[in-house]
């Protein structure tokens, strides 16, 4: 089974395009985790491991919720929404993980996916330079995201519940993700999540920080 907590390494745009996109169903709110715990024992979930993630910096755009852009472990990571299942599970395709300093052409593609325009007059940009660019644009903002994640699987479907802090504000989340949409649907129902709205990280972060 894929290790969802595998070491973060750089990935070119060409190599990312070869990766199979997974659909994701995710919920945010309060009192989610205790309910998920009760259901996961009933459906004989297989535990992975818990992990406190390194702090991540998400880049939010007022123009779109279809480009998930973040910085983790010194890598500028992007995936974009390419569709959704009949049940409304969002499908995101990885687009690359780029080491800082990020090349001009890579950054240009990322800004295009965020649906904003910026003048790029250098051949590469450091993390600090990139952050200053984001801060200077009215349609972009930075959000610090911290996560304590607990991974498990239900009949082979990757799942987790997690505590998440957006700029220090705590919320709870749970999700299922897979290339197998029918099995995923079964797992979502087994965990008692199917009646909750599917909300990705971008939408949740915007709601919490008021962007």
C-alpha atoms as a PDB file:
ATOM      1  CA  UNK A   1       0.000   0.000   0.000  1.00  0.00           C
ATOM      2  CA  UNK A   2       1.168   3.548  -0.754  1.00  0.00           C
ATOM      3  CA  UNK A   3       2.888   5.228   2.177  1.00  0.00           C
ATOM      4  CA  UNK A   4       0.977   8.484   2.539  1.00  0.00           C
ATOM      5  CA  UNK A   5       3.684   9.710   4.928  1.00  0.00           C
ATOM      6  CA  UNK A   6       6.628   8.907   2.662  1.00  0.00           C
ATOM      7  CA  UNK A   7       9.643  11.235   2.609  1.00  0.00           C
ATOM      8  CA  UNK A   8       8.954  14.440   0.709  1.00  0.00           C
ATOM      9  CA  UNK A   9      11.199  14.697  -2.375  1.00  0.00           C
ATOM     10  CA  UNK A  10      11.275  16.973  -5.411  1.00  0.00           C
ATOM     11  CA  UNK A  11       9.249  15.848  -8.435  1.00  0.00           C
ATOM     12  CA  UNK A  12       9.428  17.412 -11.893  1.00  0.00           C
ATOM     13  CA  UNK A  13       6.286  18.492 -13.713  1.00  0.00           C
ATOM     14  CA  UNK A  14       6.838  15.740 -16.290  1.00  0.00           C
ATOM     15  CA  UNK A  15       7.160  13.029 -13.622  1.00  0.00           C
ATOM     16  CA  UNK A  16       4.172  14.375 -11.687  1.00  0.00           C
ATOM     17  CA  UNK A  17       2.030  14.102 -14.822  1.00  0.00           C
ATOM     18  CA  UNK A  18       2.699  10.339 -14.835  1.00  0.00           C
ATOM     19  CA  UNK A  19       1.259   9.860 -11.332  1.00  0.00           C
ATOM     20  CA  UNK A  20      -2.256   8.464 -11.040  1.00  0.00           C
ATOM     21  CA  UNK A  21      -4.565  11.073  -9.487  1.00  0.00           C
ATOM     22  CA  UNK A  22      -6.638  10.047  -6.475  1.00  0.00           C
ATOM     23  CA  UNK A  23     -10.116  11.204  -5.568  1.00  0.00           C
ATOM     24  CA  UNK A  24     -10.515  12.692  -2.111  1.00  0.00           C
ATOM     25  CA  UNK A  25     -13.460  13.169   0.213  1.00  0.00           C
ATOM     26  CA  UNK A  26     -12.634  15.347   3.224  1.00  0.00           C
ATOM     27  CA  UNK A  27     -14.641  16.928   6.022  1.00  0.00           C
ATOM     28  CA  UNK A  28     -13.768  19.631   8.557  1.00  0.00           C
ATOM     29  CA  UNK A  29     -15.433  20.707  11.781  1.00  0.00           C
ATOM     30  CA  UNK A  30     -15.692  19.942  15.473  1.00  0.00           C
ATOM     31  CA  UNK A  31     -16.288  16.608  17.230  1.00  0.00           C
ATOM     32  CA  UNK A  32     -15.449  14.681  14.052  1.00  0.00           C
ATOM     33  CA  UNK A  33     -12.618  12.557  15.392  1.00  0.00           C
ATOM     34  CA  UNK A  34     -14.454  10.758  18.201  1.00  0.00           C
ATOM     35  CA  UNK A  35     -17.207   9.745  15.787  1.00  0.00           C
ATOM     36  CA  UNK A  36     -14.666   8.469  13.244  1.00  0.00           C
ATOM     37  CA  UNK A  37     -12.866   6.469  15.945  1.00  0.00           C
ATOM     38  CA  UNK A  38     -16.086   4.719  16.902  1.00  0.00           C
ATOM     39  CA  UNK A  39     -16.876   3.832  13.296  1.00  0.00           C
ATOM     40  CA  UNK A  40     -13.375   2.724  12.357  1.00  0.00           C
ATOM     41  CA  UNK A  41     -13.371  -0.081  14.912  1.00  0.00           C
ATOM     42  CA  UNK A  42     -16.734  -1.266  13.653  1.00  0.00           C
ATOM     43  CA  UNK A  43     -15.433  -1.498  10.072  1.00  0.00           C
ATOM     44  CA  UNK A  44     -12.179  -3.209  11.135  1.00  0.00           C
ATOM     45  CA  UNK A  45      -9.842  -0.443  10.070  1.00  0.00           C
ATOM     46  CA  UNK A  46      -6.122  -1.162   9.731  1.00  0.00           C
ATOM     47  CA  UNK A  47      -3.959   1.400  11.519  1.00  0.00           C
ATOM     48  CA  UNK A  48      -0.882   3.005   9.921  1.00  0.00           C
ATOM     49  CA  UNK A  49       0.963   5.408  12.173  1.00  0.00           C
ATOM     50  CA  UNK A  50       0.531   8.853  13.679  1.00  0.00           C
ATOM     51  CA  UNK A  51       2.665  11.731  12.509  1.00  0.00           C
ATOM     52  CA  UNK A  52       3.116  15.350  13.514  1.00  0.00           C
ATOM     53  CA  UNK A  53       3.769  17.072  10.196  1.00  0.00           C
ATOM     54  CA  UNK A  54       6.302  19.858   9.716  1.00  0.00           C
ATOM     55  CA  UNK A  55       4.587  23.240   9.457  1.00  0.00           C
ATOM     56  CA  UNK A  56       3.355  23.959   5.949  1.00  0.00           C
ATOM     57  CA  UNK A  57       2.674  27.250   4.203  1.00  0.00           C
ATOM     58  CA  UNK A  58      -0.431  27.216   2.011  1.00  0.00           C
ATOM     59  CA  UNK A  59      -0.927  29.816  -0.705  1.00  0.00           C
ATOM     60  CA  UNK A  60      -4.592  30.722  -1.122  1.00  0.00           C
ATOM     61  CA  UNK A  61      -6.028  32.506  -4.137  1.00  0.00           C
ATOM     62  CA  UNK A  62      -9.323  34.377  -4.224  1.00  0.00           C
ATOM     63  CA  UNK A  63      -9.612  33.356  -7.870  1.00  0.00           C
ATOM     64  CA  UNK A  64      -9.757  29.575  -7.454  1.00  0.00           C
ATOM     65  CA  UNK A  65     -10.164  26.566  -5.175  1.00  0.00           C
ATOM     66  CA  UNK A  66      -8.787  24.204  -7.818  1.00  0.00           C
ATOM     67  CA  UNK A  67      -5.043  24.781  -7.281  1.00  0.00           C
ATOM     68  CA  UNK A  68      -3.618  23.354  -4.061  1.00  0.00           C
ATOM     69  CA  UNK A  69      -0.267  25.102  -3.606  1.00  0.00           C
ATOM     70  CA  UNK A  70       1.837  24.725  -0.472  1.00  0.00           C
ATOM     71  CA  UNK A  71       5.419  24.717   0.782  1.00  0.00           C
ATOM     72  CA  UNK A  72       6.575  21.787   2.917  1.00  0.00           C
ATOM     73  CA  UNK A  73      10.127  20.623   3.636  1.00  0.00           C
ATOM     74  CA  UNK A  74      11.489  23.379   1.401  1.00  0.00           C
ATOM     75  CA  UNK A  75       9.495  22.192  -1.630  1.00  0.00           C
ATOM     76  CA  UNK A  76       6.888  24.202  -3.523  1.00  0.00           C
ATOM     77  CA  UNK A  77       4.176  21.602  -4.083  1.00  0.00           C
ATOM     78  CA  UNK A  78       1.218  21.935  -6.439  1.00  0.00           C
ATOM     79  CA  UNK A  79      -1.693  19.730  -7.432  1.00  0.00           C
ATOM     80  CA  UNK A  80      -4.728  20.820  -9.428  1.00  0.00           C
ATOM     81  CA  UNK A  81      -8.308  19.641  -9.612  1.00  0.00           C
ATOM     82  CA  UNK A  82      -8.932  17.731 -12.830  1.00  0.00           C
ATOM     83  CA  UNK A  83     -12.451  16.450 -12.183  1.00  0.00           C
ATOM     84  CA  UNK A  84     -14.766  14.799  -9.725  1.00  0.00           C
ATOM     85  CA  UNK A  85     -16.591  11.509  -9.327  1.00  0.00           C
ATOM     86  CA  UNK A  86     -20.392  11.149  -9.679  1.00  0.00           C
ATOM     87  CA  UNK A  87     -20.509  11.333  -5.863  1.00  0.00           C
ATOM     88  CA  UNK A  88     -18.692  14.666  -5.842  1.00  0.00           C
ATOM     89  CA  UNK A  89     -15.290  13.396  -4.694  1.00  0.00           C
ATOM     90  CA  UNK A  90     -12.656  15.797  -6.020  1.00  0.00           C
ATOM     91  CA  UNK A  91      -9.830  14.429  -8.182  1.00  0.00           C
ATOM     92  CA  UNK A  92      -6.482  16.226  -7.907  1.00  0.00           C
ATOM     93  CA  UNK A  93      -3.506  15.640 -10.211  1.00  0.00           C
ATOM     94  CA  UNK A  94       0.011  16.268  -8.829  1.00  0.00           C
ATOM     95  CA  UNK A  95       1.835  18.924 -10.897  1.00  0.00           C
ATOM     96  CA  UNK A  96       5.260  18.854  -9.278  1.00  0.00           C
ATOM     97  CA  UNK A  97       7.314  19.521  -6.165  1.00  0.00           C
ATOM     98  CA  UNK A  98       9.981  22.142  -6.820  1.00  0.00           C
ATOM     99  CA  UNK A  99      13.073  22.874  -4.746  1.00  0.00           C
ATOM    100  CA  UNK A 100      13.849  26.459  -3.828  1.00  0.00           C
ATOM    101  CA  UNK A 101      15.129  28.558  -5.467  1.00  0.00           C
ATOM    102  CA  UNK A 102      12.265  27.836  -7.872  1.00  0.00           C
ATOM    103  CA  UNK A 103      12.892  28.442 -11.557  1.00  0.00           C
ATOM    104  CA  UNK A 104      11.033  31.242 -13.325  1.00  0.00           C
ATOM    105  CA  UNK A 105       9.160  28.907 -15.688  1.00  0.00           C
ATOM    106  CA  UNK A 106       8.014  26.651 -12.824  1.00  0.00           C
ATOM    107  CA  UNK A 107       6.787  29.604 -10.786  1.00  0.00           C
ATOM    108  CA  UNK A 108       5.036  31.065 -13.820  1.00  0.00           C
ATOM    109  CA  UNK A 109       3.051  27.833 -14.256  1.00  0.00           C
ATOM    110  CA  UNK A 110       2.072  27.830 -10.579  1.00  0.00           C
ATOM    111  CA  UNK A 111       0.893  31.458 -10.685  1.00  0.00           C
ATOM    112  CA  UNK A 112      -1.121  30.639 -13.798  1.00  0.00           C
ATOM    113  CA  UNK A 113      -2.888  27.826 -11.916  1.00  0.00           C
ATOM    114  CA  UNK A 114      -3.583  30.261  -9.057  1.00  0.00           C
ATOM    115  CA  UNK A 115      -5.122  32.514 -11.742  1.00  0.00           C
ATOM    116  CA  UNK A 116      -3.007  35.545 -10.921  1.00  0.00           C
ATOM    117  CA  UNK A 117      -0.492  37.497 -12.983  1.00  0.00           C
ATOM    118  CA  UNK A 118       2.880  38.713 -11.746  1.00  0.00           C
ATOM    119  CA  UNK A 119       5.937  40.091 -13.464  1.00  0.00           C
ATOM    120  CA  UNK A 120       8.829  37.637 -13.117  1.00  0.00           C
ATOM    121  CA  UNK A 121      12.085  39.416 -13.921  1.00  0.00           C
ATOM    122  CA  UNK A 122      14.473  36.925 -12.301  1.00  0.00           C
ATOM    123  CA  UNK A 123      15.507  33.446 -13.405  1.00  0.00           C
ATOM    124  CA  UNK A 124      14.738  31.917  -9.985  1.00  0.00           C
ATOM    125  CA  UNK A 125      13.149  32.848  -6.660  1.00  0.00           C
ATOM    126  CA  UNK A 126      13.947  31.943  -3.055  1.00  0.00           C
ATOM    127  CA  UNK A 127      11.283  30.994  -0.520  1.00  0.00           C
ATOM    128  CA  UNK A 128      11.458  34.435   1.117  1.00  0.00           C
ATOM    129  CA  UNK A 129      11.164  36.171  -2.241  1.00  0.00           C
ATOM    130  CA  UNK A 130       8.174  34.047  -3.157  1.00  0.00           C
ATOM    131  CA  UNK A 131       6.464  34.827   0.157  1.00  0.00           C
ATOM    132  CA  UNK A 132       6.982  38.555  -0.364  1.00  0.00           C
ATOM    133  CA  UNK A 133       5.421  38.249  -3.812  1.00  0.00           C
ATOM    134  CA  UNK A 134       2.376  36.522  -2.359  1.00  0.00           C
ATOM    135  CA  UNK A 135       2.007  39.103   0.418  1.00  0.00           C
ATOM    136  CA  UNK A 136       2.116  41.939  -2.114  1.00  0.00           C
ATOM    137  CA  UNK A 137      -0.783  40.542  -4.202  1.00  0.00           C
ATOM    138  CA  UNK A 138      -4.347  41.397  -3.169  1.00  0.00           C
ATOM    139  CA  UNK A 139      -5.732  38.081  -4.448  1.00  0.00           C
ATOM    140  CA  UNK A 140      -3.239  35.873  -2.580  1.00  0.00           C
ATOM    141  CA  UNK A 141      -2.479  35.127   1.042  1.00  0.00           C
ATOM    142  CA  UNK A 142      -0.230  32.846   3.092  1.00  0.00           C
ATOM    143  CA  UNK A 143      -1.598  30.522   5.771  1.00  0.00           C
ATOM    144  CA  UNK A 144       0.518  28.516   8.210  1.00  0.00           C
ATOM    145  CA  UNK A 145      -0.927  25.010   8.529  1.00  0.00           C
ATOM    146  CA  UNK A 146       0.094  22.506  11.211  1.00  0.00           C
ATOM    147  CA  UNK A 147      -1.208  18.942  11.272  1.00  0.00           C
ATOM    148  CA  UNK A 148      -1.224  15.981  13.633  1.00  0.00           C
ATOM    149  CA  UNK A 149      -2.356  13.086  11.436  1.00  0.00           C
ATOM    150  CA  UNK A 150      -3.517   9.560  12.228  1.00  0.00           C
ATOM    151  CA  UNK A 151      -3.545   7.292   9.192  1.00  0.00           C
ATOM    152  CA  UNK A 152      -5.508   4.070   8.691  1.00  0.00           C
ATOM    153  CA  UNK A 153      -7.224   2.139   5.924  1.00  0.00           C
ATOM    154  CA  UNK A 154     -10.693   0.678   5.400  1.00  0.00           C
ATOM    155  CA  UNK A 155     -10.715  -2.234   2.953  1.00  0.00           C
ATOM    156  CA  UNK A 156      -7.603  -0.868   1.260  1.00  0.00           C
ATOM    157  CA  UNK A 157      -8.841   2.742   1.039  1.00  0.00           C
ATOM    158  CA  UNK A 158      -6.425   5.319   2.490  1.00  0.00           C
ATOM    159  CA  UNK A 159      -8.039   7.240   5.351  1.00  0.00           C
ATOM    160  CA  UNK A 160      -7.042   9.563   8.148  1.00  0.00           C
ATOM    161  CA  UNK A 161      -8.293  11.761  10.899  1.00  0.00           C
ATOM    162  CA  UNK A 162      -6.275  14.748  11.986  1.00  0.00           C
ATOM    163  CA  UNK A 163      -6.026  17.821  14.145  1.00  0.00           C
ATOM    164  CA  UNK A 164      -5.287  20.849  11.959  1.00  0.00           C
ATOM    165  CA  UNK A 165      -4.296  24.379  12.930  1.00  0.00           C
ATOM    166  CA  UNK A 166      -4.844  27.212  10.425  1.00  0.00           C
ATOM    167  CA  UNK A 167      -2.794  30.180  11.661  1.00  0.00           C
ATOM    168  CA  UNK A 168      -3.178  28.688  15.135  1.00  0.00           C
ATOM    169  CA  UNK A 169      -6.945  28.011  14.958  1.00  0.00           C
ATOM    170  CA  UNK A 170      -7.742  24.344  15.639  1.00  0.00           C
ATOM    171  CA  UNK A 171     -10.212  22.298  13.599  1.00  0.00           C
ATOM    172  CA  UNK A 172     -10.706  18.559  13.153  1.00  0.00           C
ATOM    173  CA  UNK A 173     -10.688  16.760   9.818  1.00  0.00           C
ATOM    174  CA  UNK A 174     -11.154  13.288   8.368  1.00  0.00           C
ATOM    175  CA  UNK A 175     -10.791  11.978   4.839  1.00  0.00           C
ATOM    176  CA  UNK A 176     -10.770   9.024   2.472  1.00  0.00           C
ATOM    177  CA  UNK A 177      -8.833   8.940  -0.804  1.00  0.00           C
ATOM    178  CA  UNK A 178      -8.388   6.350  -3.517  1.00  0.00           C
ATOM    179  CA  UNK A 179      -8.301   5.642  -7.245  1.00  0.00           C
ATOM    180  CA  UNK A 180     -11.087   3.118  -6.614  1.00  0.00           C
ATOM    181  CA  UNK A 181     -14.191   5.276  -6.337  1.00  0.00           C
ATOM    182  CA  UNK A 182     -16.676   2.550  -5.383  1.00  0.00           C
ATOM    183  CA  UNK A 183     -14.519   1.242  -2.536  1.00  0.00           C
ATOM    184  CA  UNK A 184     -13.975   4.816  -1.473  1.00  0.00           C
ATOM    185  CA  UNK A 185     -17.726   5.418  -1.357  1.00  0.00           C
ATOM    186  CA  UNK A 186     -18.122   2.355   0.871  1.00  0.00           C
ATOM    187  CA  UNK A 187     -15.373   3.595   3.228  1.00  0.00           C
ATOM    188  CA  UNK A 188     -16.886   7.084   3.482  1.00  0.00           C
ATOM    189  CA  UNK A 189     -20.221   5.561   4.465  1.00  0.00           C
ATOM    190  CA  UNK A 190     -18.646   3.097   6.913  1.00  0.00           C
ATOM    191  CA  UNK A 191     -16.919   5.969   8.741  1.00  0.00           C
ATOM    192  CA  UNK A 192     -20.183   7.890   9.087  1.00  0.00           C
ATOM    193  CA  UNK A 193     -19.026  10.786   6.907  1.00  0.00           C
ATOM    194  CA  UNK A 194     -21.286  10.530   3.869  1.00  0.00           C
ATOM    195  CA  UNK A 195     -23.834  13.126   5.047  1.00  0.00           C
ATOM    196  CA  UNK A 196     -21.177  15.804   5.648  1.00  0.00           C
ATOM    197  CA  UNK A 197     -20.121  18.319   2.961  1.00  0.00           C
ATOM    198  CA  UNK A 198     -16.946  17.513   1.017  1.00  0.00           C
ATOM    199  CA  UNK A 199     -14.537  20.368   1.821  1.00  0.00           C
ATOM    200  CA  UNK A 200     -10.954  20.552   0.612  1.00  0.00           C
ATOM    201  CA  UNK A 201      -8.080  22.224   2.486  1.00  0.00           C
ATOM    202  CA  UNK A 202      -8.331  25.428   0.450  1.00  0.00           C
ATOM    203  CA  UNK A 203     -12.000  26.022   1.240  1.00  0.00           C
ATOM    204  CA  UNK A 204     -11.509  25.148   4.915  1.00  0.00           C
ATOM    205  CA  UNK A 205      -8.504  27.454   5.289  1.00  0.00           C
ATOM    206  CA  UNK A 206     -10.336  30.335   3.625  1.00  0.00           C
ATOM    207  CA  UNK A 207     -13.286  29.923   5.979  1.00  0.00           C
ATOM    208  CA  UNK A 208     -11.121  29.795   9.105  1.00  0.00           C
ATOM    209  CA  UNK A 209      -8.875  32.786   8.252  1.00  0.00           C
ATOM    210  CA  UNK A 210     -11.641  34.808   6.582  1.00  0.00           C
ATOM    211  CA  UNK A 211     -10.082  35.133   3.130  1.00  0.00           C
END
